[in-house]
Protein backbone atom coordinates (compact mmCIF):
# COMPACT_ATOMS: atom_id res chain seq x y z
CA UNK A 1 -7.09 2.40 -62.32
CA UNK A 2 -5.14 0.99 -59.34
CA UNK A 3 -6.73 0.95 -55.88
CA UNK A 4 -9.85 2.81 -57.07
CA UNK A 5 -7.92 5.91 -58.15
CA UNK A 6 -9.88 8.52 -60.07
CA UNK A 7 -6.95 9.90 -62.05
CA UNK A 8 -3.46 8.84 -63.10
CA UNK A 9 -0.73 11.49 -63.30
CA UNK A 10 2.65 11.24 -65.05
CA UNK A 11 5.41 13.49 -63.74
CA UNK A 12 7.65 13.21 -66.79
CA UNK A 13 10.52 11.16 -68.24
CA UNK A 14 8.32 8.91 -70.36
CA UNK A 15 11.15 8.02 -72.74
CA UNK A 16 14.93 7.89 -72.51
CA UNK A 17 17.04 7.10 -69.48
CA UNK A 18 20.71 7.23 -68.57
CA UNK A 19 22.42 3.90 -69.26
CA UNK A 20 24.41 4.22 -66.05
CA UNK A 21 21.11 3.67 -64.19
CA UNK A 22 19.29 1.38 -66.62
CA UNK A 23 20.96 -1.62 -68.22
CA UNK A 24 18.04 -2.51 -70.50
CA UNK A 25 18.73 -0.23 -73.46
CA UNK A 26 18.09 -2.96 -76.04
CA UNK A 27 14.65 -3.84 -74.70
CA UNK A 28 13.26 -0.34 -74.29
CA UNK A 29 9.91 0.37 -75.93
CA UNK A 30 9.43 4.15 -75.98
CA UNK A 31 6.42 3.91 -78.30
CA UNK A 32 4.69 1.57 -75.85
CA UNK A 33 5.48 3.91 -72.97
CA UNK A 34 4.04 6.91 -74.83
CA UNK A 35 0.94 4.93 -75.79
CA UNK A 36 0.37 3.83 -72.19
CA UNK A 37 0.69 7.36 -70.85
CA UNK A 38 -1.51 8.90 -73.55
CA UNK A 39 -4.20 6.30 -72.93
CA UNK A 40 -4.21 6.33 -69.15
CA UNK A 41 -2.94 9.65 -67.80
CA UNK A 42 -5.05 12.78 -67.80
CA UNK A 43 -2.31 15.07 -66.46
CA UNK A 44 1.23 14.79 -67.87
CA UNK A 45 4.25 17.08 -67.66
CA UNK A 46 7.53 16.97 -69.58
CA UNK A 47 10.72 15.65 -68.02
CA UNK A 48 14.29 16.40 -69.02
CA UNK A 49 14.69 13.08 -70.87
CA UNK A 50 11.50 13.74 -72.84
CA UNK A 51 12.90 17.10 -73.92
CA UNK A 52 16.23 15.57 -74.89
CA UNK A 53 14.52 12.86 -76.96
CA UNK A 54 12.99 15.52 -79.23
CA UNK A 55 15.83 18.05 -78.82
CA UNK A 56 13.60 20.65 -77.20
CA UNK A 57 15.22 23.21 -74.93
CA UNK A 58 13.35 23.92 -71.68
CA UNK A 59 11.25 27.06 -71.64
CA UNK A 60 11.09 27.72 -67.91
CA UNK A 61 14.68 27.51 -66.65
CA UNK A 62 15.61 30.68 -64.79
CA UNK A 63 19.19 29.70 -63.89
CA UNK A 64 20.58 29.33 -67.43
CA UNK A 65 19.59 30.82 -70.79
CA UNK A 66 19.53 28.06 -73.40
CA UNK A 67 20.42 29.35 -76.88
CA UNK A 68 17.93 28.25 -79.57
CA UNK A 69 20.66 26.29 -81.38
CA UNK A 70 21.69 24.45 -78.21
CA UNK A 71 21.51 20.95 -79.72
CA UNK A 72 23.39 22.01 -82.82
CA UNK A 73 26.45 22.87 -80.73
CA UNK A 74 29.23 20.37 -80.05
CA UNK A 75 29.16 18.73 -76.63
CA UNK A 76 32.34 20.50 -75.51
CA UNK A 77 30.92 23.88 -76.46
CA UNK A 78 27.70 23.13 -74.60
CA UNK A 79 29.72 22.13 -71.55
CA UNK A 80 31.79 25.33 -71.73
CA UNK A 81 28.78 27.62 -72.21
CA UNK A 82 26.86 26.07 -69.33
CA UNK A 83 29.83 25.88 -66.99
CA UNK A 84 28.99 22.24 -66.31
CA UNK A 85 25.56 23.14 -64.92
CA UNK A 86 23.47 21.43 -67.63
CA UNK A 87 22.86 17.73 -68.27
CA UNK A 88 24.55 16.83 -71.57
CA UNK A 89 23.32 13.21 -71.75
CA UNK A 90 26.66 11.76 -72.92
CA UNK A 91 25.73 8.39 -71.39
CA UNK A 92 22.14 8.35 -72.67
CA UNK A 93 21.45 5.70 -75.29
CA UNK A 94 19.65 7.00 -78.39
CA UNK A 95 15.87 6.87 -78.17
CA UNK A 96 14.30 4.57 -80.75
CA UNK A 97 13.00 6.58 -83.68
CA UNK A 98 9.71 8.18 -82.74
CA UNK A 99 6.83 8.77 -85.10
CA UNK A 100 5.76 12.28 -86.00
CA UNK A 101 2.67 11.89 -83.80
CA UNK A 102 4.78 10.73 -80.84
CA UNK A 103 7.18 13.63 -81.25
CA UNK A 104 4.24 16.03 -81.48
CA UNK A 105 2.82 14.58 -78.25
CA UNK A 106 6.09 15.07 -76.37
CA UNK A 107 6.41 18.56 -77.84
CA UNK A 108 2.90 19.42 -76.61
CA UNK A 109 3.57 18.53 -72.96
CA UNK A 110 3.61 21.47 -70.53
CA UNK A 111 6.53 21.98 -68.16
CA UNK A 112 4.19 22.34 -65.19
CA UNK A 113 0.47 22.09 -64.45
CA UNK A 114 -1.76 23.84 -61.93
CA UNK A 115 -4.68 21.74 -60.72
CA UNK A 116 -7.24 21.73 -57.93
CA UNK A 117 -7.69 18.62 -55.81
CA UNK A 118 -10.27 18.69 -53.04
CA UNK A 119 -10.41 22.48 -53.15
CA UNK A 120 -6.63 22.83 -52.76
CA UNK A 121 -4.23 24.12 -55.37
CA UNK A 122 -1.73 21.56 -56.68
CA UNK A 123 1.46 22.18 -58.66
CA UNK A 124 2.71 19.32 -60.86
CA UNK A 125 6.21 19.31 -62.36
CA UNK A 126 9.06 16.95 -63.13
CA UNK A 127 11.50 18.83 -60.91
CA UNK A 128 11.48 22.07 -58.94
CA UNK A 129 11.93 25.79 -59.47
CA UNK A 130 14.10 27.30 -60.96
CA UNK A 131 14.41 24.18 -63.15
CA UNK A 132 11.03 22.44 -63.27
CA UNK A 133 12.04 20.08 -66.10
CA UNK A 134 15.19 18.82 -64.33
CA UNK A 135 17.47 19.91 -67.19
CA UNK A 136 20.17 21.34 -64.91
CA UNK A 137 22.55 19.40 -62.69
CA UNK A 138 20.85 20.70 -59.57
CA UNK A 139 19.83 18.58 -56.60
CA UNK A 140 18.43 20.14 -53.45
CA UNK A 141 20.05 18.87 -50.26
CA UNK A 142 18.38 21.18 -47.74
CA UNK A 143 15.19 23.26 -47.45
CA UNK A 144 17.14 26.49 -48.03
CA UNK A 145 17.79 25.39 -51.61
CA UNK A 146 14.07 24.75 -52.03
CA UNK A 147 12.88 28.12 -50.78
CA UNK A 148 12.34 29.36 -54.35
CA UNK A 149 10.05 26.48 -55.23
CA UNK A 150 8.07 26.73 -52.00
CA UNK A 151 7.63 30.43 -52.70
CA UNK A 152 6.44 29.56 -56.21
CA UNK A 153 3.77 27.30 -54.67
CA UNK A 154 2.60 30.26 -52.59
CA UNK A 155 2.66 32.59 -55.59
CA UNK A 156 0.50 30.16 -57.57
CA UNK A 157 -1.93 29.65 -54.69
CA UNK A 158 -0.92 25.98 -54.32
CA UNK A 159 -0.90 24.05 -51.08
CA UNK A 160 0.91 21.00 -52.45
CA UNK A 161 3.48 20.31 -55.12
CA UNK A 162 4.34 16.92 -56.62
CA UNK A 163 7.41 16.11 -58.69
CA UNK A 164 9.64 13.23 -59.74
CA UNK A 165 13.26 13.44 -60.93
CA UNK A 166 14.94 12.73 -57.57
CA UNK A 167 14.01 9.00 -57.59
CA UNK A 168 13.79 8.60 -53.80
CA UNK A 169 13.32 5.32 -51.97
CA UNK A 170 9.84 6.43 -50.96
CA UNK A 171 8.88 10.11 -50.92
CA UNK A 172 11.01 13.19 -50.19
CA UNK A 173 8.97 15.69 -48.17
CA UNK A 174 10.10 19.31 -48.39
CA UNK A 175 8.79 22.01 -46.09
CA UNK A 176 10.13 25.39 -45.06
CA UNK A 177 11.40 23.95 -41.79
CA UNK A 178 13.16 20.91 -43.28
CA UNK A 179 13.25 18.06 -45.78
CA UNK A 180 13.35 14.31 -45.28
CA UNK A 181 13.01 11.07 -47.19
CA UNK A 182 10.05 9.06 -45.95
CA UNK A 183 10.12 5.30 -46.72
CA UNK A 184 7.41 3.48 -48.65
CA UNK A 185 4.13 3.65 -46.80
CA UNK A 186 1.32 6.11 -45.92
CA UNK A 187 1.74 9.57 -44.43
CA UNK A 188 -0.40 12.71 -44.04
CA UNK A 189 -0.02 15.54 -46.52
CA UNK A 190 -0.11 18.08 -43.71
CA UNK A 191 -0.30 21.84 -44.09
CA UNK A 192 1.24 23.64 -47.03
CA UNK A 193 3.18 24.78 -48.74
CA UNK A 194 4.83 21.40 -49.03
CA UNK A 195 6.57 19.63 -51.93
CA UNK A 196 6.57 15.85 -52.43
CA UNK A 197 9.17 14.21 -54.67
CA UNK A 198 7.72 10.86 -55.69
CA UNK A 199 9.50 7.57 -56.55
CA UNK A 200 10.35 6.69 -60.13
CA UNK A 201 8.98 3.81 -62.19
CA UNK A 202 12.34 3.22 -63.91
CA UNK A 203 15.64 3.29 -62.05
CA UNK A 204 18.36 0.67 -61.79
CA UNK A 205 19.97 2.17 -58.71
CA UNK A 206 16.99 3.06 -56.52
CA UNK A 207 13.81 1.29 -55.42
CA UNK A 208 11.19 1.66 -58.12
CA UNK A 209 7.67 2.65 -57.22
CA UNK A 210 4.75 5.05 -57.49
CA UNK A 211 2.67 7.17 -55.12
CA UNK A 212 -1.06 7.53 -54.51
CA UNK A 213 -2.58 10.72 -53.13
CA UNK A 214 -5.96 10.69 -51.36
CA UNK A 215 -7.28 14.24 -51.72
CA UNK A 216 -10.14 13.52 -49.31
CA UNK A 217 -8.17 11.92 -46.48
CA UNK A 218 -5.18 14.20 -47.29
CA UNK A 219 -2.65 11.38 -47.36
CA UNK A 220 0.08 10.21 -49.70
CA UNK A 221 1.39 6.65 -49.86
CA UNK A 222 4.35 5.34 -51.84
CA UNK A 223 4.22 1.77 -53.14
CA UNK A 224 7.26 -0.21 -54.36
CA UNK A 225 7.06 -2.05 -57.64
CA UNK A 226 7.29 -5.83 -57.34
CA UNK A 227 10.62 -6.80 -58.87
CA UNK A 228 11.35 -10.24 -57.45
CA UNK A 229 10.49 -13.37 -59.43
CA UNK A 230 7.11 -14.82 -58.60
CA UNK A 231 5.65 -11.63 -57.18
CA UNK A 232 2.35 -10.29 -58.48
CA UNK A 233 2.52 -8.14 -61.59
CA UNK A 234 1.72 -4.49 -60.88
CA UNK A 235 -0.90 -2.37 -62.63
CA UNK A 236 1.83 -0.36 -64.41
CA UNK A 237 3.57 -3.47 -65.69
CA UNK A 238 0.24 -4.77 -67.02
CA UNK A 239 -0.36 -1.42 -68.66
CA UNK A 240 2.92 -1.54 -70.59
CA UNK A 241 2.50 -5.20 -71.53
CA UNK A 242 -0.91 -4.52 -73.09
CA UNK A 243 0.28 -1.48 -75.05
């Protein structure tokens, strides 16, 4: 594991990505990505692109009731029923055919996890309440819009929450009194409840990276992936190459 980490966590979106953000559709290797995550990550949650890849409707969206035949409906009907609030993935390139075992793995992923790190409750999800899988076209722009998720952390007895989906250039820190995007580098976790939106591994429009949490020192640090020619290969890149 990188930098003596005890556990690797995946916050969703293992396969599939919008072609408007990723211009490498022909070279994608979803099977390798799934294999790397299954081998290396103890805690994994489903992201909206994972659900779309296997045509699974989210189970924990409280802002829109997905009909069971959602993916059998025409795109225009889905758009009309949702009032434009749901991602329809019109620009998403088809995911390479997955094996039955790979589909079963994606189907088995929970939409959130409750863990304990250093005696503190931790909430893991791809996005935030009321849409923890990121299936709706919702993006929080102020702490008022995040009050429901921070309350959910309290309800679940969690001090910290960690999610992806927003693809920040660093880490977005969300507290009751405000939210801000902190650049790559270390910072204290502080007192809860607090939500951290972590950088994404894959994104053509934002700085790619990952975050490391020290549950003893109570810090979080975001690291950028090395993208420029000649720079040292990262642990995640090695992981995919060996898969």
